[in-house]
Amino acid sequence: MTQQPPALATPPRNNHAEYLLLLPGLLAFVSFTARDFPLTTTALVVASVLLFVACLWAAQQLLGRWPALVFALLAAAVGWFAEQMGSSHGWFFGQYAYTDVLGIRMGDVPLVIPIMWFALCLIGYVMACFLLWRQPVLASRNKGAMLLTSFLAAMIVTAFDLGADPYFVFVLKAWIMAKTDGGWFGETLQGFAGWMFISFVIVLGYQWCCAPCAPVQPTTHTRRAALIALLIYASGMAFQMALGHPIETRAIAFFAMGTPLLVATATWWQWKQPGKEHLN
């Protein structure tokens, strides 16, 4: 007798009331930026807000309403703390100072930075789960599995930063490093250790608090939510391949980001079609 697959779980649907609560704040954020900062900064802020909203929606579909909010709040809080300590004391990433390019700040840190930490860590988590568990979430409370998922998610996030950091420093001039002769195109290698550590802490912290214990059913909404994470990562890779600086980072982006993206996309395709895992 053929063994039946385990029952799949779907996160509870929600009424998106939190979007109505967030909307005034997000609109005010964009309005103040457009009023007080140049067009480039406004465009960066708008793109970051749209990225945050898309990832919050995707997180709600895959994780459920409250786990998604916990993930977002945890990532924003830890991300802000790490960046504040980095800019003021040189912790985690080395000594640096933000310019006005990324807009309004809280303390020393532009407000777009914490919401970008959430988006990147969510994407890293979803991709890591596809690579390791063939699902967009880890359906287990096993501590070893959570550690492994968090570590791979941190690697995926840091792969994005390999090309993004030099671009933000040397092209956008979003922040200024105190040490300009680091080992990575002028960037310090310490920064990438910091990205690994902070993204690992965020993803592990989320899983420790409220990771799901059952697989997610591939419905229309969950398929699209998982695809959003892959498409955002793919768009970041494409941008770095086209406009990355220094030019060497364009090839690095293709291999460092393209390898996990290709495998995760193939796994997403299999997951969204239960019972059709193999090519005919």
Protein backbone atom coordinates (compact mmCIF):
# COMPACT_ATOMS: atom_id res chain seq x y z
CA MET A 1 0.00 0.00 0.00
CA THR A 2 1.31 3.41 -0.90
CA GLN A 3 2.04 5.58 2.10
CA GLN A 4 -0.03 8.75 2.17
CA PRO A 5 1.84 12.06 2.46
CA PRO A 6 1.42 14.01 5.70
CA ALA A 7 -1.38 16.53 5.90
CA LEU A 8 -0.40 20.00 4.83
CA ALA A 9 -1.17 23.14 6.76
CA THR A 10 -2.15 26.52 5.43
CA PRO A 11 -1.55 29.70 7.45
CA PRO A 12 -4.83 31.29 8.52
CA ARG A 13 -6.20 33.92 6.20
CA ASN A 14 -6.31 37.46 7.52
CA ASN A 15 -8.14 40.66 6.80
CA HIS A 16 -4.98 42.71 6.22
CA ALA A 17 -6.02 45.20 8.90
CA GLU A 18 -2.37 45.84 9.76
CA TYR A 19 -1.84 47.30 6.30
CA LEU A 20 -4.43 49.96 7.10
CA LEU A 21 -2.55 50.69 10.32
CA LEU A 22 0.79 50.88 8.53
CA LEU A 23 -0.45 52.93 5.59
CA PRO A 24 -0.47 56.39 7.26
CA GLY A 25 3.03 55.88 8.62
CA LEU A 26 4.41 54.65 5.32
CA LEU A 27 2.77 57.51 3.39
CA ALA A 28 4.13 60.04 5.89
CA PHE A 29 7.58 58.48 5.60
CA VAL A 30 7.55 58.82 1.81
CA SER A 31 6.03 62.33 1.94
CA PHE A 32 8.65 63.67 4.36
CA THR A 33 11.40 62.13 2.25
CA ALA A 34 10.04 63.65 -0.98
CA ARG A 35 9.79 67.05 0.71
CA ASP A 36 13.25 67.16 2.31
CA PHE A 37 15.48 64.97 0.14
CA PRO A 38 16.46 64.73 -3.55
CA LEU A 39 14.76 62.49 -6.12
CA THR A 40 17.31 59.68 -5.83
CA THR A 41 16.68 59.36 -2.10
CA THR A 42 12.91 59.42 -2.61
CA ALA A 43 13.17 56.67 -5.23
CA LEU A 44 15.25 54.53 -2.86
CA VAL A 45 12.77 55.03 -0.04
CA VAL A 46 9.75 54.23 -2.24
CA ALA A 47 11.47 51.07 -3.52
CA SER A 48 12.28 50.02 0.06
CA VAL A 49 8.70 50.59 1.23
CA LEU A 50 7.30 48.57 -1.67
CA LEU A 51 9.81 45.82 -0.92
CA PHE A 52 8.75 45.78 2.73
CA VAL A 53 5.02 45.61 1.90
CA ALA A 54 5.53 42.81 -0.63
CA CYS A 55 7.61 40.78 1.81
CA LEU A 56 5.18 41.36 4.68
CA TRP A 57 2.32 40.07 2.50
CA ALA A 58 4.39 37.07 1.44
CA ALA A 59 5.32 36.33 5.06
CA GLN A 60 1.65 36.42 6.10
CA GLN A 61 0.69 33.92 3.42
CA LEU A 62 3.50 31.51 4.25
CA LEU A 63 3.84 31.91 8.02
CA GLY A 64 0.53 33.29 9.22
CA ARG A 65 -0.46 36.76 10.39
CA TRP A 66 1.18 37.01 13.81
CA PRO A 67 4.35 35.06 13.00
CA ALA A 68 4.87 37.40 10.03
CA LEU A 69 4.55 40.46 12.26
CA VAL A 70 6.93 38.91 14.80
CA PHE A 71 9.44 38.26 12.03
CA ALA A 72 9.14 41.83 10.75
CA LEU A 73 9.44 43.44 14.20
CA LEU A 74 12.31 41.20 15.27
CA ALA A 75 14.27 41.80 12.06
CA ALA A 76 13.71 45.56 12.21
CA ALA A 77 14.71 45.79 15.88
CA VAL A 78 17.81 43.61 15.61
CA GLY A 79 18.79 45.21 12.31
CA TRP A 80 18.45 48.73 13.71
CA PHE A 81 20.44 47.84 16.85
CA ALA A 82 23.25 46.24 14.84
CA GLU A 83 23.49 49.22 12.47
CA GLN A 84 23.35 51.74 15.33
CA MET A 85 26.14 49.94 17.18
CA GLY A 86 28.10 49.66 13.95
CA SER A 87 27.87 53.34 13.09
CA SER A 88 28.50 54.56 16.64
CA HIS A 89 30.94 51.94 18.01
CA GLY A 90 32.22 49.94 15.04
CA TRP A 91 30.54 46.70 16.14
CA PHE A 92 29.71 43.88 13.71
CA PHE A 93 30.49 45.66 10.41
CA GLY A 94 33.41 47.95 11.19
CA GLN A 95 33.36 51.71 11.73
CA TYR A 96 31.22 53.70 9.28
CA ALA A 97 28.86 56.67 9.10
CA TYR A 98 25.66 57.02 7.09
CA THR A 99 25.19 59.97 4.73
CA ASP A 100 21.85 61.56 3.82
CA VAL A 101 21.41 59.41 0.71
CA LEU A 102 18.99 56.95 2.35
CA GLY A 103 16.83 59.63 3.93
CA ILE A 104 15.28 60.05 7.39
CA ARG A 105 17.14 58.48 10.30
CA MET A 106 16.36 57.10 13.70
CA GLY A 107 19.52 57.75 15.67
CA ASP A 108 22.36 57.23 13.20
CA VAL A 109 20.46 54.72 11.04
CA PRO A 110 18.21 55.54 8.04
CA LEU A 111 14.73 54.09 8.53
CA VAL A 112 14.93 52.12 5.29
CA ILE A 113 17.74 49.96 6.68
CA PRO A 114 15.72 48.04 9.34
CA ILE A 115 12.90 47.27 6.90
CA MET A 116 15.47 46.03 4.38
CA TRP A 117 16.84 43.66 7.02
CA PHE A 118 13.38 42.12 7.32
CA ALA A 119 12.93 41.73 3.58
CA LEU A 120 16.34 40.17 3.01
CA CYS A 121 16.10 37.80 5.97
CA LEU A 122 12.64 36.62 4.93
CA ILE A 123 13.89 35.95 1.41
CA GLY A 124 16.95 34.15 2.78
CA TYR A 125 14.76 32.03 5.04
CA VAL A 126 12.34 31.02 2.27
CA MET A 127 15.18 30.15 -0.12
CA ALA A 128 17.08 28.20 2.54
CA CYS A 129 13.95 26.18 3.32
CA PHE A 130 13.49 25.36 -0.35
CA LEU A 131 17.12 24.28 -0.65
CA LEU A 132 17.14 22.18 2.50
CA TRP A 133 13.58 21.00 3.05
CA ARG A 134 11.84 21.41 -0.35
CA GLN A 135 9.26 23.67 1.34
CA PRO A 136 9.12 27.48 1.80
CA VAL A 137 9.11 27.03 5.61
CA LEU A 138 10.81 24.70 8.06
CA ALA A 139 8.07 22.42 9.35
CA SER A 140 9.99 21.28 12.42
CA ARG A 141 11.04 22.43 15.87
CA ASN A 142 14.25 20.41 15.67
CA LYS A 143 17.05 22.63 16.97
CA GLY A 144 19.64 21.29 14.55
CA ALA A 145 17.35 21.92 11.61
CA MET A 146 16.69 25.48 12.79
CA LEU A 147 20.41 26.17 13.17
CA LEU A 148 21.17 24.78 9.72
CA THR A 149 18.33 26.75 8.12
CA SER A 150 19.46 29.96 9.82
CA PHE A 151 23.07 29.47 8.72
CA LEU A 152 22.15 28.84 5.08
CA ALA A 153 19.73 31.79 5.11
CA ALA A 154 22.56 33.98 6.41
CA MET A 155 24.80 32.79 3.58
CA ILE A 156 22.11 33.65 1.01
CA VAL A 157 21.63 37.12 2.50
CA THR A 158 25.39 37.74 2.58
CA ALA A 159 25.74 36.59 -1.03
CA PHE A 160 23.48 39.51 -1.95
CA ASP A 161 25.69 41.85 0.06
CA LEU A 162 28.86 40.84 -1.78
CA GLY A 163 27.84 43.11 -4.65
CA ALA A 164 25.40 45.43 -2.89
CA ASP A 165 27.85 46.79 -0.31
CA PRO A 166 30.44 48.12 -2.79
CA TYR A 167 27.67 49.65 -4.91
CA PHE A 168 26.07 51.44 -1.96
CA VAL A 169 29.45 52.75 -0.80
CA PHE A 170 31.17 53.74 -4.04
CA VAL A 171 28.25 54.58 -6.37
CA LEU A 172 25.39 55.73 -4.14
CA LYS A 173 27.74 56.88 -1.35
CA ALA A 174 25.06 55.87 1.18
CA TRP A 175 27.66 55.49 3.93
CA ILE A 176 31.35 56.17 4.43
CA MET A 177 33.69 53.53 5.83
CA ALA A 178 36.37 54.67 8.25
CA LYS A 179 38.73 52.07 6.77
CA THR A 180 38.83 52.46 3.00
CA ASP A 181 41.48 49.85 2.17
CA GLY A 182 39.64 46.70 3.24
CA GLY A 183 40.06 43.33 1.58
CA TRP A 184 36.92 43.44 -0.59
CA PHE A 185 37.17 46.16 -3.26
CA GLY A 186 37.93 48.65 -0.49
CA GLU A 187 35.27 47.20 1.81
CA THR A 188 36.26 45.41 5.01
CA LEU A 189 35.80 41.66 5.27
CA GLN A 190 34.50 42.24 8.80
CA GLY A 191 31.34 43.65 7.26
CA PHE A 192 30.44 40.31 5.71
CA ALA A 193 31.04 38.50 8.99
CA GLY A 194 28.63 41.01 10.51
CA TRP A 195 26.02 40.33 7.82
CA MET A 196 26.32 36.59 8.44
CA PHE A 197 25.99 36.97 12.20
CA ILE A 198 23.08 39.44 12.27
CA SER A 199 21.00 37.65 9.62
CA PHE A 200 21.68 34.33 11.40
CA VAL A 201 20.44 35.82 14.68
CA ILE A 202 17.30 37.25 13.05
CA VAL A 203 16.28 34.04 11.28
CA LEU A 204 17.10 31.84 14.27
CA GLY A 205 15.30 34.22 16.61
CA TYR A 206 12.16 34.08 14.47
CA GLN A 207 12.24 30.29 14.29
CA TRP A 208 12.83 30.00 18.02
CA CYS A 209 9.81 32.21 18.73
CA CYS A 210 7.18 30.97 16.33
CA ALA A 211 8.33 28.82 13.43
CA PRO A 212 5.52 26.64 12.00
CA CYS A 213 5.44 22.93 12.79
CA ALA A 214 3.61 21.78 9.65
CA PRO A 215 4.27 22.14 5.91
CA VAL A 216 2.53 24.86 3.94
CA GLN A 217 -0.04 23.83 1.36
CA PRO A 218 0.74 25.07 -2.17
CA THR A 219 -2.33 27.24 -2.79
CA THR A 220 -2.60 30.17 -5.18
CA HIS A 221 -1.60 32.63 -2.45
CA THR A 222 1.28 30.62 -1.01
CA ARG A 223 2.68 29.85 -4.46
CA ARG A 224 2.71 33.55 -5.29
CA ALA A 225 4.15 34.47 -1.90
CA ALA A 226 7.07 32.08 -2.30
CA LEU A 227 7.58 33.24 -5.88
CA ILE A 228 7.73 36.87 -4.73
CA ALA A 229 10.72 36.04 -2.53
CA LEU A 230 12.50 34.37 -5.45
CA LEU A 231 11.70 37.19 -7.87
CA ILE A 232 12.97 39.87 -5.52
CA TYR A 233 16.24 38.00 -5.07
CA ALA A 234 16.44 37.50 -8.84
CA SER A 235 15.88 41.22 -9.46
CA GLY A 236 18.70 42.04 -7.05
CA MET A 237 20.98 39.65 -8.89
CA ALA A 238 20.01 41.11 -12.28
CA PHE A 239 20.66 44.65 -11.02
CA GLN A 240 24.10 43.72 -9.73
CA MET A 241 24.95 41.89 -12.96
CA ALA A 242 23.99 44.93 -15.04
CA LEU A 243 25.20 47.81 -12.89
CA GLY A 244 27.44 46.34 -10.20
CA HIS A 245 30.56 48.32 -9.22
CA PRO A 246 33.39 47.44 -9.34
CA ILE A 247 32.75 45.49 -12.50
CA GLU A 248 34.06 42.26 -10.99
CA THR A 249 31.00 42.12 -8.74
CA ARG A 250 28.81 41.53 -11.80
CA ALA A 251 30.30 38.08 -12.36
CA ILE A 252 30.33 37.40 -8.62
CA ALA A 253 26.59 38.14 -8.41
CA PHE A 254 25.82 35.64 -11.17
CA PHE A 255 27.50 32.74 -9.40
CA ALA A 256 27.08 33.66 -5.71
CA MET A 257 23.41 34.57 -6.03
CA GLY A 258 22.50 32.61 -9.14
CA THR A 259 23.40 29.16 -7.80
CA PRO A 260 21.06 29.14 -4.77
CA LEU A 261 18.41 31.00 -6.76
CA LEU A 262 18.40 28.40 -9.55
CA VAL A 263 18.08 25.47 -7.15
CA ALA A 264 15.43 27.22 -5.03
CA THR A 265 13.39 28.07 -8.14
CA ALA A 266 13.52 24.48 -9.38
CA THR A 267 12.41 23.30 -5.94
CA TRP A 268 9.59 25.87 -5.88
CA TRP A 269 8.39 24.52 -9.23
CA GLN A 270 8.28 20.99 -7.84
CA TRP A 271 6.64 22.07 -4.58
CA LYS A 272 3.85 23.98 -6.31
CA GLN A 273 2.87 20.82 -8.24
CA PRO A 274 2.45 18.06 -5.63
CA GLY A 275 2.92 14.60 -7.08
CA LYS A 276 4.86 15.91 -10.10
CA GLU A 277 8.36 16.10 -8.64
CA HIS A 278 10.04 14.38 -11.58
CA LEU A 279 10.38 15.30 -15.22
CA ASN A 280 8.51 13.10 -17.66
